[in-house]
Amino acid sequence: MRLSIFFAFTSLLIATACSPKLSTSNASASQFTSDQRSLITASAADVPMRVYKITNREDSVLLRTPSQKVQIDPSDRTLQLFIDRLLTTVQDSMSLGVGIAAPQVGILKNIIWIQRFDKEDLPWEVFINPVIVQYSELTRKGMEGCLSIPDRREECERSYAILIEYDRPDGSHHTEMVEDFTAVIFQHEIDHLNGILYLDHLASDLASD
């Protein structure tokens, strides 16, 4: 009888140690590197982060590096803090952009914030692991600037409409068609996640490479 109880208790310990809940916790712990965690947790959610610039050599190397997929865990406090600080950064009076990508503050993760000019009240929305799955043949031209490229604006040609897939912080997955200027913002910010800058779309810059 005692032997049966011992094996039952041992089996319970093994099952608990291998439970999905603990595995998820371990995944959350490795979501960010120690350097990334240090950057994120250095200040509170209402404190903007430093925007990386191509005029700085080390910054430029990171801005040219593709980002990594985010493992979404609603209980990951570091992830939530980073999402909040990224929004604070783009809304800061020193930035005042219409979108921002995680690499622009030194965090190579697939996260962007976009101001939705296609919605009432122009809300800000966060998108995790966004991917453009379809581009329209119809294009539009417009002036673009970038928080990471100071004192420069250029005319850039983009697809007028795009079909995107993305995740939300709660783990839900979505597909959406976006058009016009908001579609341009999405294309600009998703480029950042792939280590691409809007300058790469300019014929004059490509010819000089």
Protein backbone atom coordinates (compact mmCIF):
# COMPACT_ATOMS: atom_id res chain seq x y z
CA MET A 1 0.00 0.00 0.00
CA ARG A 2 2.77 2.43 0.98
CA LEU A 3 4.67 1.54 -2.20
CA SER A 4 1.60 2.35 -4.33
CA ILE A 5 1.22 5.71 -2.61
CA PHE A 6 4.92 6.45 -3.24
CA PHE A 7 4.64 5.71 -6.98
CA ALA A 8 1.44 7.74 -7.25
CA PHE A 9 3.11 10.73 -5.55
CA THR A 10 6.21 10.39 -7.75
CA SER A 11 4.09 10.29 -10.90
CA LEU A 12 2.27 13.43 -9.79
CA LEU A 13 5.58 15.28 -9.32
CA ILE A 14 6.78 14.24 -12.78
CA ALA A 15 3.49 15.28 -14.40
CA THR A 16 3.60 18.65 -12.64
CA ALA A 17 7.21 19.26 -13.69
CA CYS A 18 6.27 18.66 -17.33
CA SER A 19 3.02 20.61 -17.29
CA PRO A 20 2.36 23.11 -20.13
CA LYS A 21 1.95 25.88 -17.56
CA LEU A 22 5.56 25.63 -16.44
CA SER A 23 6.79 25.28 -19.99
CA THR A 24 5.02 28.52 -20.91
CA SER A 25 6.66 30.22 -17.95
CA ASN A 26 10.08 29.09 -19.13
CA ALA A 27 9.31 30.38 -22.62
CA SER A 28 8.38 33.77 -21.16
CA ALA A 29 11.61 33.89 -19.19
CA SER A 30 13.60 33.61 -22.43
CA GLN A 31 11.41 36.01 -24.43
CA PHE A 32 14.06 38.73 -24.18
CA THR A 33 17.81 38.65 -23.78
CA SER A 34 19.33 40.09 -20.61
CA ASP A 35 20.39 43.21 -22.53
CA GLN A 36 16.89 43.65 -23.93
CA ARG A 37 15.33 43.23 -20.49
CA SER A 38 17.72 45.82 -19.10
CA LEU A 39 16.65 48.34 -21.76
CA ILE A 40 12.97 47.66 -21.22
CA THR A 41 12.92 47.63 -17.43
CA ALA A 42 15.25 50.61 -16.98
CA SER A 43 12.24 52.93 -16.59
CA ALA A 44 8.47 52.94 -16.11
CA ALA A 45 5.85 52.60 -18.85
CA ASP A 46 5.43 56.38 -19.20
CA VAL A 47 9.13 56.98 -19.94
CA PRO A 48 10.12 56.98 -23.63
CA MET A 49 13.02 54.88 -24.88
CA ARG A 50 15.94 56.13 -26.96
CA VAL A 51 15.24 56.04 -30.70
CA TYR A 52 18.07 54.42 -32.66
CA LYS A 53 19.48 56.46 -35.59
CA ILE A 54 21.33 55.41 -38.74
CA THR A 55 23.78 58.24 -38.04
CA ASN A 56 25.16 56.09 -35.21
CA ARG A 57 27.18 53.14 -36.53
CA GLU A 58 26.12 50.63 -33.84
CA ASP A 59 22.50 51.74 -34.14
CA SER A 60 22.65 51.35 -37.91
CA VAL A 61 23.84 47.75 -37.67
CA LEU A 62 20.95 46.84 -35.39
CA LEU A 63 18.43 48.66 -37.61
CA ARG A 64 19.62 46.47 -40.49
CA THR A 65 19.07 43.24 -38.53
CA PRO A 66 15.82 41.27 -38.96
CA SER A 67 13.67 40.93 -35.84
CA GLN A 68 12.38 37.77 -34.18
CA LYS A 69 8.90 36.38 -33.73
CA VAL A 70 7.22 37.13 -30.41
CA GLN A 71 5.96 34.29 -28.23
CA ILE A 72 2.79 35.84 -26.86
CA ASP A 73 2.10 35.36 -23.18
CA PRO A 74 -0.45 37.76 -21.62
CA SER A 75 1.20 37.21 -18.23
CA ASP A 76 4.63 38.30 -19.48
CA ARG A 77 5.11 41.59 -17.63
CA THR A 78 8.27 42.50 -19.51
CA LEU A 79 6.46 42.15 -22.83
CA GLN A 80 3.59 44.33 -21.63
CA LEU A 81 5.97 46.94 -20.25
CA PHE A 82 7.80 47.04 -23.55
CA ILE A 83 4.57 47.44 -25.53
CA ASP A 84 3.61 50.37 -23.30
CA ARG A 85 7.03 52.03 -23.48
CA LEU A 86 7.11 51.68 -27.27
CA LEU A 87 3.84 53.61 -27.51
CA THR A 88 5.13 56.24 -25.09
CA THR A 89 8.20 56.65 -27.30
CA VAL A 90 6.34 57.29 -30.55
CA GLN A 91 3.91 59.68 -28.82
CA ASP A 92 6.70 61.58 -27.09
CA SER A 93 7.05 65.23 -28.07
CA MET A 94 10.59 64.53 -29.29
CA SER A 95 9.36 61.93 -31.78
CA LEU A 96 5.77 62.57 -32.85
CA GLY A 97 5.71 59.81 -35.45
CA VAL A 98 2.73 57.98 -36.96
CA GLY A 99 4.25 54.57 -36.37
CA ILE A 100 7.18 52.84 -34.72
CA ALA A 101 8.80 49.41 -34.79
CA ALA A 102 10.56 47.63 -31.95
CA PRO A 103 14.01 47.67 -33.63
CA GLN A 104 13.92 51.47 -33.56
CA VAL A 105 14.42 51.34 -29.80
CA GLY A 106 16.95 48.52 -29.88
CA ILE A 107 14.63 45.55 -29.36
CA LEU A 108 14.67 43.02 -32.20
CA LYS A 109 11.12 41.75 -31.80
CA ASN A 110 8.23 41.76 -34.28
CA ILE A 111 6.14 44.47 -32.66
CA ILE A 112 4.85 47.72 -34.19
CA TRP A 113 2.53 50.54 -33.21
CA ILE A 114 0.46 52.22 -35.93
CA GLN A 115 -1.78 55.27 -35.85
CA ARG A 116 -4.93 54.28 -37.71
CA PHE A 117 -5.77 57.15 -40.04
CA ASP A 118 -8.44 54.91 -41.57
CA LYS A 119 -10.49 54.84 -38.36
CA GLU A 120 -12.53 57.38 -36.46
CA ASP A 121 -10.56 59.32 -33.82
CA LEU A 122 -7.26 58.05 -35.34
CA PRO A 123 -6.55 55.45 -32.64
CA TRP A 124 -3.15 53.90 -31.94
CA GLU A 125 -3.04 50.10 -32.27
CA VAL A 126 -0.33 47.55 -31.55
CA PHE A 127 0.43 44.66 -33.90
CA ILE A 128 2.53 41.63 -33.00
CA ASN A 129 4.18 39.40 -35.62
CA PRO A 130 2.61 41.34 -38.52
CA VAL A 131 3.10 39.90 -42.00
CA ILE A 132 2.00 41.29 -45.36
CA VAL A 133 0.54 38.38 -47.31
CA GLN A 134 -0.64 40.29 -50.36
CA TYR A 135 0.17 43.59 -52.09
CA SER A 136 -2.09 45.42 -54.54
CA GLU A 137 -0.75 46.15 -58.02
CA LEU A 138 -2.12 49.66 -57.63
CA THR A 139 0.46 51.92 -56.01
CA ARG A 140 0.63 55.40 -54.53
CA LYS A 141 3.49 57.86 -54.14
CA GLY A 142 4.04 60.02 -51.11
CA MET A 143 6.64 61.65 -48.92
CA GLU A 144 8.10 59.50 -46.16
CA GLY A 145 10.26 60.28 -43.19
CA CYS A 146 11.57 58.10 -40.38
CA LEU A 147 12.34 58.61 -36.71
CA SER A 148 15.58 56.70 -37.28
CA ILE A 149 16.65 58.82 -40.29
CA PRO A 150 16.88 62.40 -39.03
CA ASP A 151 16.39 65.49 -41.20
CA ARG A 152 15.38 63.70 -44.36
CA ARG A 153 12.17 63.07 -46.31
CA GLU A 154 11.81 61.46 -49.72
CA GLU A 155 9.07 60.46 -52.13
CA CYS A 156 8.50 56.72 -51.97
CA GLU A 157 6.22 54.42 -53.96
CA ARG A 158 4.18 51.83 -52.05
CA SER A 159 1.28 49.48 -52.71
CA TYR A 160 -2.05 51.24 -52.26
CA ALA A 161 -3.59 48.28 -50.41
CA ILE A 162 -2.21 45.32 -48.48
CA LEU A 163 -3.57 42.20 -46.81
CA ILE A 164 -1.97 41.64 -43.41
CA GLU A 165 -1.98 38.95 -40.73
CA TYR A 166 -1.04 39.73 -37.14
CA ASP A 167 -1.48 38.81 -33.50
CA ARG A 168 -2.82 40.82 -30.59
CA PRO A 169 -1.33 40.88 -27.06
CA ASP A 170 -4.14 38.55 -25.93
CA GLY A 171 -2.91 35.92 -28.39
CA SER A 172 -5.74 36.29 -30.91
CA HIS A 173 -4.87 36.12 -34.62
CA HIS A 174 -6.35 38.44 -37.25
CA THR A 175 -6.40 39.10 -40.99
CA GLU A 176 -7.19 42.56 -42.35
CA MET A 177 -7.14 44.58 -45.56
CA VAL A 178 -5.64 48.05 -45.19
CA GLU A 179 -5.60 50.85 -47.75
CA ASP A 180 -4.13 54.24 -48.62
CA PHE A 181 -1.92 56.18 -46.15
CA THR A 182 -2.43 53.70 -43.31
CA ALA A 183 -1.25 50.91 -45.62
CA VAL A 184 1.88 52.96 -46.29
CA ILE A 185 2.58 53.21 -42.55
CA PHE A 186 2.19 49.43 -42.19
CA GLN A 187 4.60 48.79 -45.06
CA HIS A 188 7.13 51.24 -43.60
CA GLU A 189 7.03 49.73 -40.11
CA ILE A 190 6.98 46.08 -41.22
CA ASP A 191 10.04 46.87 -43.36
CA HIS A 192 11.81 47.83 -40.11
CA LEU A 193 11.11 44.34 -38.75
CA ASN A 194 12.96 42.92 -41.75
CA GLY A 195 15.95 45.25 -41.44
CA ILE A 196 14.75 47.41 -44.36
CA LEU A 197 14.63 51.22 -44.42
CA TYR A 198 12.51 53.33 -46.74
CA LEU A 199 15.72 54.56 -48.40
CA ASP A 200 16.08 51.07 -49.85
CA HIS A 201 13.02 51.74 -52.02
CA LEU A 202 14.55 54.79 -53.65
CA ALA A 203 16.07 54.26 -57.09
CA SER A 204 18.77 56.84 -56.45
CA ASP A 205 19.93 55.12 -53.26
CA LEU A 206 19.84 51.66 -54.80
CA ALA A 207 21.93 52.84 -57.73
CA SER A 208 24.57 54.24 -55.40
CA ASP A 209 24.97 51.05 -53.33
